[in-house]
């Protein structure tokens, strides 16, 4: 998943170099990062709960 985000970041930089607006893409990428962080926190909590 994080690899996909890095790929998206590269694409956004390419668009910026081409002079295209990237605000909506950057916002979407920000939401994707937040979702991944939330999922990682949930996964870690479930792992701790199953280990206890």
N, C-alpha and C. Protein backbone atom coordinates (compact mmCIF):
# COMPACT_ATOMS: atom_id res chain seq x y z
N UNK A 1 0.82 -1.19 0.00
CA UNK A 1 0.00 0.00 0.00
C UNK A 1 0.87 1.26 0.00
N UNK A 2 1.90 1.25 0.84
CA UNK A 2 2.78 2.43 0.89
C UNK A 2 3.53 2.61 -0.44
N UNK A 3 3.80 1.51 -1.11
CA UNK A 3 4.43 1.60 -2.43
C UNK A 3 3.53 2.30 -3.43
N UNK A 4 2.24 2.04 -3.33
CA UNK A 4 1.28 2.70 -4.21
C UNK A 4 1.26 4.20 -3.93
N UNK A 5 1.37 4.56 -2.67
CA UNK A 5 1.37 5.99 -2.32
C UNK A 5 2.61 6.66 -2.89
N UNK A 6 3.76 5.99 -2.79
CA UNK A 6 4.98 6.57 -3.37
C UNK A 6 4.84 6.76 -4.88
N UNK A 7 4.21 5.80 -5.54
CA UNK A 7 3.98 5.92 -6.98
C UNK A 7 3.08 7.11 -7.28
N UNK A 8 2.05 7.29 -6.47
CA UNK A 8 1.15 8.43 -6.66
C UNK A 8 1.89 9.75 -6.43
N UNK A 9 2.77 9.78 -5.44
CA UNK A 9 3.55 10.99 -5.18
C UNK A 9 4.42 11.34 -6.39
N UNK A 10 5.03 10.32 -7.00
CA UNK A 10 5.84 10.56 -8.20
C UNK A 10 4.98 11.12 -9.33
N UNK A 11 3.79 10.55 -9.50
CA UNK A 11 2.90 11.04 -10.55
C UNK A 11 2.48 12.48 -10.30
N UNK A 12 2.21 12.82 -9.05
CA UNK A 12 1.83 14.20 -8.71
C UNK A 12 2.98 15.14 -9.03
N UNK A 13 4.21 14.75 -8.69
CA UNK A 13 5.36 15.61 -9.01
C UNK A 13 5.51 15.80 -10.52
N UNK A 14 5.24 14.74 -11.29
CA UNK A 14 5.31 14.86 -12.75
C UNK A 14 4.26 15.86 -13.23
N UNK A 15 3.05 15.78 -12.68
CA UNK A 15 2.00 16.71 -13.07
C UNK A 15 2.37 18.15 -12.71
N UNK A 16 2.97 18.32 -11.53
CA UNK A 16 3.38 19.66 -11.11
C UNK A 16 4.43 20.22 -12.06
N UNK A 17 5.39 19.38 -12.46
CA UNK A 17 6.42 19.85 -13.41
C UNK A 17 5.80 20.23 -14.75
N UNK A 18 4.71 19.54 -15.10
CA UNK A 18 4.03 19.84 -16.36
C UNK A 18 3.14 21.08 -16.23
N UNK A 19 3.01 21.61 -15.03
CA UNK A 19 2.22 22.82 -14.83
C UNK A 19 0.75 22.58 -14.61
N UNK A 20 0.38 21.35 -14.27
CA UNK A 20 -1.03 21.04 -14.05
C UNK A 20 -1.39 21.18 -12.57
N UNK A 21 -2.64 21.48 -12.31
CA UNK A 21 -3.12 21.62 -10.93
C UNK A 21 -3.15 20.24 -10.27
N UNK A 22 -2.67 20.18 -9.04
CA UNK A 22 -2.60 18.90 -8.35
C UNK A 22 -3.26 18.93 -6.97
N UNK A 23 -3.96 19.99 -6.65
CA UNK A 23 -4.54 20.13 -5.31
C UNK A 23 -5.48 18.97 -4.98
N UNK A 24 -6.34 18.59 -5.90
CA UNK A 24 -7.29 17.51 -5.61
C UNK A 24 -6.55 16.17 -5.45
N UNK A 25 -5.53 15.95 -6.26
CA UNK A 25 -4.76 14.71 -6.15
C UNK A 25 -4.01 14.68 -4.82
N UNK A 26 -3.46 15.81 -4.40
CA UNK A 26 -2.75 15.87 -3.13
C UNK A 26 -3.70 15.63 -1.96
N UNK A 27 -4.91 16.15 -2.05
CA UNK A 27 -5.91 15.93 -1.01
C UNK A 27 -6.28 14.45 -0.92
N UNK A 28 -6.49 13.83 -2.05
CA UNK A 28 -6.80 12.41 -2.08
C UNK A 28 -5.66 11.59 -1.48
N UNK A 29 -4.44 11.93 -1.84
CA UNK A 29 -3.28 11.23 -1.31
C UNK A 29 -3.19 11.40 0.20
N UNK A 30 -3.51 12.56 0.69
CA UNK A 30 -3.51 12.80 2.13
C UNK A 30 -4.54 11.91 2.83
N UNK A 31 -5.73 11.79 2.22
CA UNK A 31 -6.75 10.92 2.81
C UNK A 31 -6.32 9.46 2.77
N UNK A 32 -5.63 9.06 1.70
CA UNK A 32 -5.13 7.69 1.61
C UNK A 32 -4.12 7.41 2.72
N UNK A 33 -3.21 8.36 2.94
CA UNK A 33 -2.21 8.18 4.01
C UNK A 33 -2.88 8.05 5.37
N UNK A 34 -3.87 8.88 5.62
CA UNK A 34 -4.58 8.85 6.90
C UNK A 34 -5.29 7.50 7.08
N UNK A 35 -5.90 7.00 6.03
CA UNK A 35 -6.59 5.72 6.10
C UNK A 35 -5.61 4.59 6.38
N UNK A 36 -4.47 4.62 5.74
CA UNK A 36 -3.46 3.59 5.97
C UNK A 36 -2.97 3.65 7.42
N UNK A 37 -2.73 4.85 7.91
CA UNK A 37 -2.30 5.00 9.30
C UNK A 37 -3.34 4.44 10.26
N UNK A 38 -4.62 4.72 10.00
CA UNK A 38 -5.70 4.20 10.84
C UNK A 38 -5.74 2.68 10.79
N UNK A 39 -5.59 2.12 9.60
CA UNK A 39 -5.61 0.67 9.47
C UNK A 39 -4.44 0.02 10.19
N UNK A 40 -3.29 0.66 10.14
CA UNK A 40 -2.12 0.13 10.85
C UNK A 40 -2.33 0.15 12.36
N UNK A 41 -2.92 1.23 12.85
CA UNK A 41 -3.22 1.31 14.28
C UNK A 41 -4.21 0.22 14.69
N UNK A 42 -5.22 0.01 13.86
CA UNK A 42 -6.21 -1.03 14.15
C UNK A 42 -5.56 -2.41 14.14
N UNK A 43 -4.71 -2.66 13.14
CA UNK A 43 -4.01 -3.94 13.07
C UNK A 43 -3.16 -4.17 14.31
N UNK A 44 -2.42 -3.16 14.73
CA UNK A 44 -1.56 -3.29 15.90
C UNK A 44 -2.37 -3.57 17.15
N UNK A 45 -3.52 -2.91 17.29
CA UNK A 45 -4.37 -3.13 18.46
C UNK A 45 -4.91 -4.56 18.46
N UNK A 46 -5.30 -5.05 17.28
CA UNK A 46 -5.80 -6.43 17.20
C UNK A 46 -4.70 -7.43 17.52
N UNK A 47 -3.47 -7.15 17.08
CA UNK A 47 -2.37 -8.05 17.38
C UNK A 47 -2.09 -8.08 18.87
N UNK A 48 -2.12 -6.91 19.51
CA UNK A 48 -1.90 -6.85 20.96
C UNK A 48 -3.00 -7.61 21.70
N UNK A 49 -4.24 -7.46 21.24
CA UNK A 49 -5.37 -8.11 21.89
C UNK A 49 -5.28 -9.64 21.75
N UNK A 50 -4.83 -10.11 20.61
CA UNK A 50 -4.74 -11.56 20.42
C UNK A 50 -3.55 -12.16 21.14
N UNK A 51 -2.53 -11.35 21.41
CA UNK A 51 -1.34 -11.83 22.12
C UNK A 51 -1.58 -11.89 23.62
N UNK A 52 -2.54 -11.13 24.10
CA UNK A 52 -2.79 -11.06 25.54
C UNK A 52 -3.58 -12.24 26.05
